Amino acid sequence: MSLENQIKSISDDFEHASPEQIVEVLNQIKPFFKSSLISEYLQGKIQKISECGDVGERKKLCKALMPYFDWYLQGQ
């Protein structure tokens, strides 16, 4: 499945997407940023999600990063 299709699938059914799936896609998006600062910022957010033990909190943190999905899709 292409990155674009993965993003659309998660966006369409966010409630059933696992935090691990979302993080995997975010990691695939990182190389597309022109600024290393944005990539580093996103990496910090991903690290915070990975360290969080509560699934509900991880999901909440992932939802806050959904604009990165929108950004990627707009560039396609």
PDB file of N, CA and C in Angstrom:
ATOM      1  N   MET A   1       0.844  -1.169   0.000  1.00  0.00           N
ATOM      2  CA  MET A   1       0.000   0.000   0.000  1.00  0.00           C
ATOM      3  C   MET A   1       0.893   1.238   0.000  1.00  0.00           C
ATOM      4  N   SER A   2       0.557   2.178  -0.847  1.00  0.00           N
ATOM      5  CA  SER A   2       1.368   3.391  -0.949  1.00  0.00           C
ATOM      6  C   SER A   2       1.200   4.241   0.316  1.00  0.00           C
ATOM      7  N   LEU A   3       2.147   5.133   0.515  1.00  0.00           N
ATOM      8  CA  LEU A   3       2.095   6.027   1.669  1.00  0.00           C
ATOM      9  C   LEU A   3       0.818   6.861   1.625  1.00  0.00           C
ATOM     10  N   GLU A   4       0.475   7.360   0.470  1.00  0.00           N
ATOM     11  CA  GLU A   4      -0.748   8.156   0.317  1.00  0.00           C
ATOM     12  C   GLU A   4      -1.981   7.345   0.732  1.00  0.00           C
ATOM     13  N   ASN A   5      -2.051   6.094   0.303  1.00  0.00           N
ATOM     14  CA  ASN A   5      -3.187   5.240   0.656  1.00  0.00           C
ATOM     15  C   ASN A   5      -3.212   4.930   2.154  1.00  0.00           C
ATOM     16  N   GLN A   6      -2.043   4.743   2.752  1.00  0.00           N
ATOM     17  CA  GLN A   6      -1.981   4.503   4.189  1.00  0.00           C
ATOM     18  C   GLN A   6      -2.513   5.711   4.955  1.00  0.00           C
ATOM     19  N   ILE A   7      -2.117   6.900   4.527  1.00  0.00           N
ATOM     20  CA  ILE A   7      -2.565   8.128   5.177  1.00  0.00           C
ATOM     21  C   ILE A   7      -4.075   8.274   5.044  1.00  0.00           C
ATOM     22  N   LYS A   8      -4.599   8.060   3.861  1.00  0.00           N
ATOM     23  CA  LYS A   8      -6.040   8.171   3.645  1.00  0.00           C
ATOM     24  C   LYS A   8      -6.797   7.144   4.477  1.00  0.00           C
ATOM     25  N   SER A   9      -6.276   5.939   4.554  1.00  0.00           N
ATOM     26  CA  SER A   9      -6.923   4.890   5.338  1.00  0.00           C
ATOM     27  C   SER A   9      -6.986   5.254   6.813  1.00  0.00           C
ATOM     28  N   ILE A  10      -5.885   5.743   7.349  1.00  0.00           N
ATOM     29  CA  ILE A  10      -5.856   6.144   8.759  1.00  0.00           C
ATOM     30  C   ILE A  10      -6.760   7.349   8.980  1.00  0.00           C
ATOM     31  N   SER A  11      -6.715   8.312   8.086  1.00  0.00           N
ATOM     32  CA  SER A  11      -7.545   9.508   8.223  1.00  0.00           C
ATOM     33  C   SER A  11      -9.038   9.166   8.172  1.00  0.00           C
ATOM     34  N   ASP A  12      -9.388   8.250   7.303  1.00  0.00           N
ATOM     35  CA  ASP A  12     -10.793   7.863   7.149  1.00  0.00           C
ATOM     36  C   ASP A  12     -11.326   7.081   8.350  1.00  0.00           C
ATOM     37  N   ASP A  13     -10.448   6.343   9.018  1.00  0.00           N
ATOM     38  CA  ASP A  13     -10.885   5.502  10.141  1.00  0.00           C
ATOM     39  C   ASP A  13      -9.893   5.618  11.298  1.00  0.00           C
ATOM     40  N   PHE A  14      -9.688   6.845  11.761  1.00  0.00           N
ATOM     41  CA  PHE A  14      -8.691   7.121  12.791  1.00  0.00           C
ATOM     42  C   PHE A  14      -8.931   6.312  14.059  1.00  0.00           C
ATOM     43  N   GLU A  15     -10.175   6.150  14.445  1.00  0.00           N
ATOM     44  CA  GLU A  15     -10.498   5.461  15.705  1.00  0.00           C
ATOM     45  C   GLU A  15     -10.004   4.016  15.728  1.00  0.00           C
ATOM     46  N   HIS A  16      -9.913   3.392  14.576  1.00  0.00           N
ATOM     47  CA  HIS A  16      -9.481   1.994  14.522  1.00  0.00           C
ATOM     48  C   HIS A  16      -8.011   1.827  14.163  1.00  0.00           C
ATOM     49  N   ALA A  17      -7.338   2.920  13.908  1.00  0.00           N
ATOM     50  CA  ALA A  17      -5.899   2.855  13.599  1.00  0.00           C
ATOM     51  C   ALA A  17      -5.125   2.792  14.910  1.00  0.00           C
ATOM     52  N   SER A  18      -4.121   1.951  14.945  1.00  0.00           N
ATOM     53  CA  SER A  18      -3.314   1.842  16.160  1.00  0.00           C
ATOM     54  C   SER A  18      -2.278   2.956  16.193  1.00  0.00           C
ATOM     55  N   PRO A  19      -1.870   3.368  17.396  1.00  0.00           N
ATOM     56  CA  PRO A  19      -0.806   4.374  17.490  1.00  0.00           C
ATOM     57  C   PRO A  19       0.460   3.928  16.755  1.00  0.00           C
ATOM     58  N   GLU A  20       0.725   2.629  16.754  1.00  0.00           N
ATOM     59  CA  GLU A  20       1.914   2.110  16.066  1.00  0.00           C
ATOM     60  C   GLU A  20       1.825   2.347  14.562  1.00  0.00           C
ATOM     61  N   GLN A  21       0.628   2.146  13.986  1.00  0.00           N
ATOM     62  CA  GLN A  21       0.433   2.400  12.554  1.00  0.00           C
ATOM     63  C   GLN A  21       0.651   3.879  12.242  1.00  0.00           C
ATOM     64  N   ILE A  22       0.096   4.719  13.088  1.00  0.00           N
ATOM     65  CA  ILE A  22       0.196   6.164  12.870  1.00  0.00           C
ATOM     66  C   ILE A  22       1.650   6.608  12.946  1.00  0.00           C
ATOM     67  N   VAL A  23       2.371   6.107  13.948  1.00  0.00           N
ATOM     68  CA  VAL A  23       3.786   6.461  14.109  1.00  0.00           C
ATOM     69  C   VAL A  23       4.598   5.962  12.918  1.00  0.00           C
ATOM     70  N   GLU A  24       4.282   4.779  12.439  1.00  0.00           N
ATOM     71  CA  GLU A  24       5.002   4.234  11.278  1.00  0.00           C
ATOM     72  C   GLU A  24       4.846   5.157  10.069  1.00  0.00           C
ATOM     73  N   VAL A  25       3.634   5.644   9.844  1.00  0.00           N
ATOM     74  CA  VAL A  25       3.382   6.537   8.717  1.00  0.00           C
ATOM     75  C   VAL A  25       4.072   7.891   8.939  1.00  0.00           C
ATOM     76  N   LEU A  26       4.016   8.398  10.161  1.00  0.00           N
ATOM     77  CA  LEU A  26       4.702   9.663  10.464  1.00  0.00           C
ATOM     78  C   LEU A  26       6.200   9.545  10.195  1.00  0.00           C
ATOM     79  N   ASN A  27       6.780   8.407  10.533  1.00  0.00           N
ATOM     80  CA  ASN A  27       8.201   8.191  10.260  1.00  0.00           C
ATOM     81  C   ASN A  27       8.493   8.182   8.759  1.00  0.00           C
ATOM     82  N   GLN A  28       7.533   7.717   7.965  1.00  0.00           N
ATOM     83  CA  GLN A  28       7.710   7.709   6.512  1.00  0.00           C
ATOM     84  C   GLN A  28       7.575   9.110   5.911  1.00  0.00           C
ATOM     85  N   ILE A  29       6.818   9.972   6.582  1.00  0.00           N
ATOM     86  CA  ILE A  29       6.609  11.335   6.106  1.00  0.00           C
ATOM     87  C   ILE A  29       7.821  12.214   6.402  1.00  0.00           C
ATOM     88  N   LYS A  30       8.510  11.960   7.496  1.00  0.00           N
ATOM     89  CA  LYS A  30       9.622  12.815   7.945  1.00  0.00           C
ATOM     90  C   LYS A  30      10.620  13.202   6.865  1.00  0.00           C
ATOM     91  N   PRO A  31      11.059  12.293   6.006  1.00  0.00           N
ATOM     92  CA  PRO A  31      12.070  12.677   5.003  1.00  0.00           C
ATOM     93  C   PRO A  31      11.582  13.710   3.974  1.00  0.00           C
ATOM     94  N   PHE A  32      10.288  13.931   3.888  1.00  0.00           N
ATOM     95  CA  PHE A  32       9.751  14.859   2.897  1.00  0.00           C
ATOM     96  C   PHE A  32       9.820  16.320   3.336  1.00  0.00           C
ATOM     97  N   PHE A  33      10.140  16.561   4.595  1.00  0.00           N
ATOM     98  CA  PHE A  33      10.229  17.943   5.072  1.00  0.00           C
ATOM     99  C   PHE A  33      11.513  18.578   4.560  1.00  0.00           C
ATOM    100  N   LYS A  34      11.402  19.833   4.148  1.00  0.00           N
ATOM    101  CA  LYS A  34      12.576  20.548   3.646  1.00  0.00           C
ATOM    102  C   LYS A  34      13.427  21.078   4.792  1.00  0.00           C
ATOM    103  N   SER A  35      12.823  21.227   5.960  1.00  0.00           N
ATOM    104  CA  SER A  35      13.535  21.761   7.118  1.00  0.00           C
ATOM    105  C   SER A  35      13.854  20.639   8.100  1.00  0.00           C
ATOM    106  N   SER A  36      15.109  20.567   8.498  1.00  0.00           N
ATOM    107  CA  SER A  36      15.490  19.555   9.484  1.00  0.00           C
ATOM    108  C   SER A  36      14.875  19.858  10.845  1.00  0.00           C
ATOM    109  N   LEU A  37      14.586  21.128  11.103  1.00  0.00           N
ATOM    110  CA  LEU A  37      13.945  21.487  12.374  1.00  0.00           C
ATOM    111  C   LEU A  37      12.572  20.851  12.504  1.00  0.00           C
ATOM    112  N   ILE A  38      11.815  20.833  11.425  1.00  0.00           N
ATOM    113  CA  ILE A  38      10.489  20.213  11.453  1.00  0.00           C
ATOM    114  C   ILE A  38      10.630  18.715  11.671  1.00  0.00           C
ATOM    115  N   SER A  39      11.571  18.090  10.991  1.00  0.00           N
ATOM    116  CA  SER A  39      11.804  16.652  11.164  1.00  0.00           C
ATOM    117  C   SER A  39      12.203  16.331  12.597  1.00  0.00           C
ATOM    118  N   GLU A  40      13.063  17.150  13.166  1.00  0.00           N
ATOM    119  CA  GLU A  40      13.502  16.933  14.547  1.00  0.00           C
ATOM    120  C   GLU A  40      12.352  17.133  15.529  1.00  0.00           C
ATOM    121  N   TYR A  41      11.531  18.140  15.281  1.00  0.00           N
ATOM    122  CA  TYR A  41      10.362  18.391  16.130  1.00  0.00           C
ATOM    123  C   TYR A  41       9.421  17.191  16.093  1.00  0.00           C
ATOM    124  N   LEU A  42       9.138  16.706  14.880  1.00  0.00           N
ATOM    125  CA  LEU A  42       8.258  15.551  14.727  1.00  0.00           C
ATOM    126  C   LEU A  42       8.858  14.322  15.399  1.00  0.00           C
ATOM    127  N   GLN A  43      10.168  14.142  15.277  1.00  0.00           N
ATOM    128  CA  GLN A  43      10.826  13.007  15.919  1.00  0.00           C
ATOM    129  C   GLN A  43      10.645  13.071  17.438  1.00  0.00           C
ATOM    130  N   GLY A  44      10.728  14.265  18.008  1.00  0.00           N
ATOM    131  CA  GLY A  44      10.505  14.428  19.444  1.00  0.00           C
ATOM    132  C   GLY A  44       9.090  14.045  19.840  1.00  0.00           C
ATOM    133  N   LYS A  45       8.126  14.424  19.026  1.00  0.00           N
ATOM    134  CA  LYS A  45       6.728  14.069  19.293  1.00  0.00           C
ATOM    135  C   LYS A  45       6.520  12.561  19.180  1.00  0.00           C
ATOM    136  N   ILE A  46       7.149  11.953  18.181  1.00  0.00           N
ATOM    137  CA  ILE A  46       7.046  10.502  18.004  1.00  0.00           C
ATOM    138  C   ILE A  46       7.671   9.782  19.200  1.00  0.00           C
ATOM    139  N   GLN A  47       8.801  10.289  19.677  1.00  0.00           N
ATOM    140  CA  GLN A  47       9.466   9.704  20.840  1.00  0.00           C
ATOM    141  C   GLN A  47       8.555   9.765  22.066  1.00  0.00           C
ATOM    142  N   LYS A  48       7.880  10.885  22.231  1.00  0.00           N
ATOM    143  CA  LYS A  48       6.963  11.047  23.360  1.00  0.00           C
ATOM    144  C   LYS A  48       5.823  10.027  23.277  1.00  0.00           C
ATOM    145  N   ILE A  49       5.306   9.806  22.087  1.00  0.00           N
ATOM    146  CA  ILE A  49       4.245   8.812  21.885  1.00  0.00           C
ATOM    147  C   ILE A  49       4.776   7.427  22.241  1.00  0.00           C
ATOM    148  N   SER A  50       5.975   7.109  21.795  1.00  0.00           N
ATOM    149  CA  SER A  50       6.569   5.784  22.046  1.00  0.00           C
ATOM    150  C   SER A  50       6.797   5.537  23.530  1.00  0.00           C
ATOM    151  N   GLU A  51       7.115   6.588  24.272  1.00  0.00           N
ATOM    152  CA  GLU A  51       7.394   6.441  25.699  1.00  0.00           C
ATOM    153  C   GLU A  51       6.141   6.392  26.554  1.00  0.00           C
ATOM    154  N   CYS A  52       5.021   6.820  26.004  1.00  0.00           N
ATOM    155  CA  CYS A  52       3.768   6.868  26.754  1.00  0.00           C
ATOM    156  C   CYS A  52       3.210   5.447  26.909  1.00  0.00           C
ATOM    157  N   GLY A  53       2.849   5.084  28.116  1.00  0.00           N
ATOM    158  CA  GLY A  53       2.343   3.740  28.380  1.00  0.00           C
ATOM    159  C   GLY A  53       0.849   3.585  28.186  1.00  0.00           C
ATOM    160  N   ASP A  54       0.112   4.668  28.277  1.00  0.00           N
ATOM    161  CA  ASP A  54      -1.348   4.627  28.182  1.00  0.00           C
ATOM    162  C   ASP A  54      -1.792   4.726  26.723  1.00  0.00           C
ATOM    163  N   VAL A  55      -2.541   3.731  26.252  1.00  0.00           N
ATOM    164  CA  VAL A  55      -2.977   3.698  24.858  1.00  0.00           C
ATOM    165  C   VAL A  55      -3.858   4.900  24.525  1.00  0.00           C
ATOM    166  N   GLY A  56      -4.741   5.265  25.428  1.00  0.00           N
ATOM    167  CA  GLY A  56      -5.618   6.407  25.196  1.00  0.00           C
ATOM    168  C   GLY A  56      -4.828   7.695  25.034  1.00  0.00           C
ATOM    169  N   GLU A  57      -3.817   7.872  25.861  1.00  0.00           N
ATOM    170  CA  GLU A  57      -2.977   9.068  25.769  1.00  0.00           C
ATOM    171  C   GLU A  57      -2.159   9.054  24.477  1.00  0.00           C
ATOM    172  N   ARG A  58      -1.660   7.875  24.086  1.00  0.00           N
ATOM    173  CA  ARG A  58      -0.907   7.779  22.821  1.00  0.00           C
ATOM    174  C   ARG A  58      -1.792   8.160  21.642  1.00  0.00           C
ATOM    175  N   LYS A  59      -3.027   7.711  21.690  1.00  0.00           N
ATOM    176  CA  LYS A  59      -3.969   8.016  20.619  1.00  0.00           C
ATOM    177  C   LYS A  59      -4.235   9.525  20.561  1.00  0.00           C
ATOM    178  N   LYS A  60      -4.372  10.144  21.731  1.00  0.00           N
ATOM    179  CA  LYS A  60      -4.596  11.581  21.809  1.00  0.00           C
ATOM    180  C   LYS A  60      -3.399  12.345  21.231  1.00  0.00           C
ATOM    181  N   LEU A  61      -2.187  11.900  21.560  1.00  0.00           N
ATOM    182  CA  LEU A  61      -0.978  12.525  21.033  1.00  0.00           C
ATOM    183  C   LEU A  61      -0.895  12.361  19.520  1.00  0.00           C
ATOM    184  N   CYS A  62      -1.304  11.188  19.036  1.00  0.00           N
ATOM    185  CA  CYS A  62      -1.296  10.939  17.591  1.00  0.00           C
ATOM    186  C   CYS A  62      -2.285  11.850  16.872  1.00  0.00           C
ATOM    187  N   LYS A  63      -3.449  12.037  17.460  1.00  0.00           N
ATOM    188  CA  LYS A  63      -4.472  12.883  16.830  1.00  0.00           C
ATOM    189  C   LYS A  63      -3.949  14.303  16.637  1.00  0.00           C
ATOM    190  N   ALA A  64      -3.130  14.777  17.566  1.00  0.00           N
ATOM    191  CA  ALA A  64      -2.567  16.120  17.456  1.00  0.00           C
ATOM    192  C   ALA A  64      -1.592  16.239  16.279  1.00  0.00           C
ATOM    193  N   LEU A  65      -1.115  15.110  15.772  1.00  0.00           N
ATOM    194  CA  LEU A  65      -0.154  15.128  14.667  1.00  0.00           C
ATOM    195  C   LEU A  65      -0.806  14.880  13.300  1.00  0.00           C
ATOM    196  N   MET A  66      -2.115  14.773  13.264  1.00  0.00           N
ATOM    197  CA  MET A  66      -2.815  14.528  12.007  1.00  0.00           C
ATOM    198  C   MET A  66      -2.603  15.627  10.956  1.00  0.00           C
ATOM    199  N   PRO A  67      -2.347  16.888  11.353  1.00  0.00           N
ATOM    200  CA  PRO A  67      -2.067  17.899  10.317  1.00  0.00           C
ATOM    201  C   PRO A  67      -0.867  17.537   9.429  1.00  0.00           C
ATOM    202  N   TYR A  68       0.053  16.718   9.925  1.00  0.00           N
ATOM    203  CA  TYR A  68       1.170  16.281   9.089  1.00  0.00           C
ATOM    204  C   TYR A  68       0.665  15.398   7.949  1.00  0.00           C
ATOM    205  N   PHE A  69      -0.369  14.621   8.219  1.00  0.00           N
ATOM    206  CA  PHE A  69      -0.970  13.800   7.169  1.00  0.00           C
ATOM    207  C   PHE A  69      -1.574  14.714   6.103  1.00  0.00           C
ATOM    208  N   ASP A  70      -2.311  15.738   6.560  1.00  0.00           N
ATOM    209  CA  ASP A  70      -2.932  16.683   5.626  1.00  0.00           C
ATOM    210  C   ASP A  70      -1.870  17.379   4.785  1.00  0.00           C
ATOM    211  N   TRP A  71      -0.778  17.788   5.442  1.00  0.00           N
ATOM    212  CA  TRP A  71       0.310  18.456   4.728  1.00  0.00           C
ATOM    213  C   TRP A  71       0.842  17.552   3.614  1.00  0.00           C
ATOM    214  N   TYR A  72       1.076  16.292   3.932  1.00  0.00           N
ATOM    215  CA  TYR A  72       1.612  15.368   2.936  1.00  0.00           C
ATOM    216  C   TYR A  72       0.643  15.215   1.767  1.00  0.00           C
ATOM    217  N   LEU A  73      -0.639  15.040   2.066  1.00  0.00           N
ATOM    218  CA  LEU A  73      -1.627  14.839   1.013  1.00  0.00           C
ATOM    219  C   LEU A  73      -1.785  16.068   0.128  1.00  0.00           C
ATOM    220  N   GLN A  74      -1.619  17.245   0.667  1.00  0.00           N
ATOM    221  CA  GLN A  74      -1.731  18.471  -0.122  1.00  0.00           C
ATOM    222  C   GLN A  74      -0.606  18.581  -1.141  1.00  0.00           C
ATOM    223  N   GLY A  75       0.524  18.000  -0.817  1.00  0.00           N
ATOM    224  CA  GLY A  75       1.668  18.061  -1.718  1.00  0.00           C
ATOM    225  C   GLY A  75       1.610  17.045  -2.842  1.00  0.00           C
ATOM    226  N   GLN A  76       0.655  16.147  -2.774  1.00  0.00           N
ATOM    227  CA  GLN A  76       0.548  15.079  -3.777  1.00  0.00           C
ATOM    228  C   GLN A  76      -0.284  15.496  -4.958  1.00  0.00           C
TER     229      GLN A  76
END
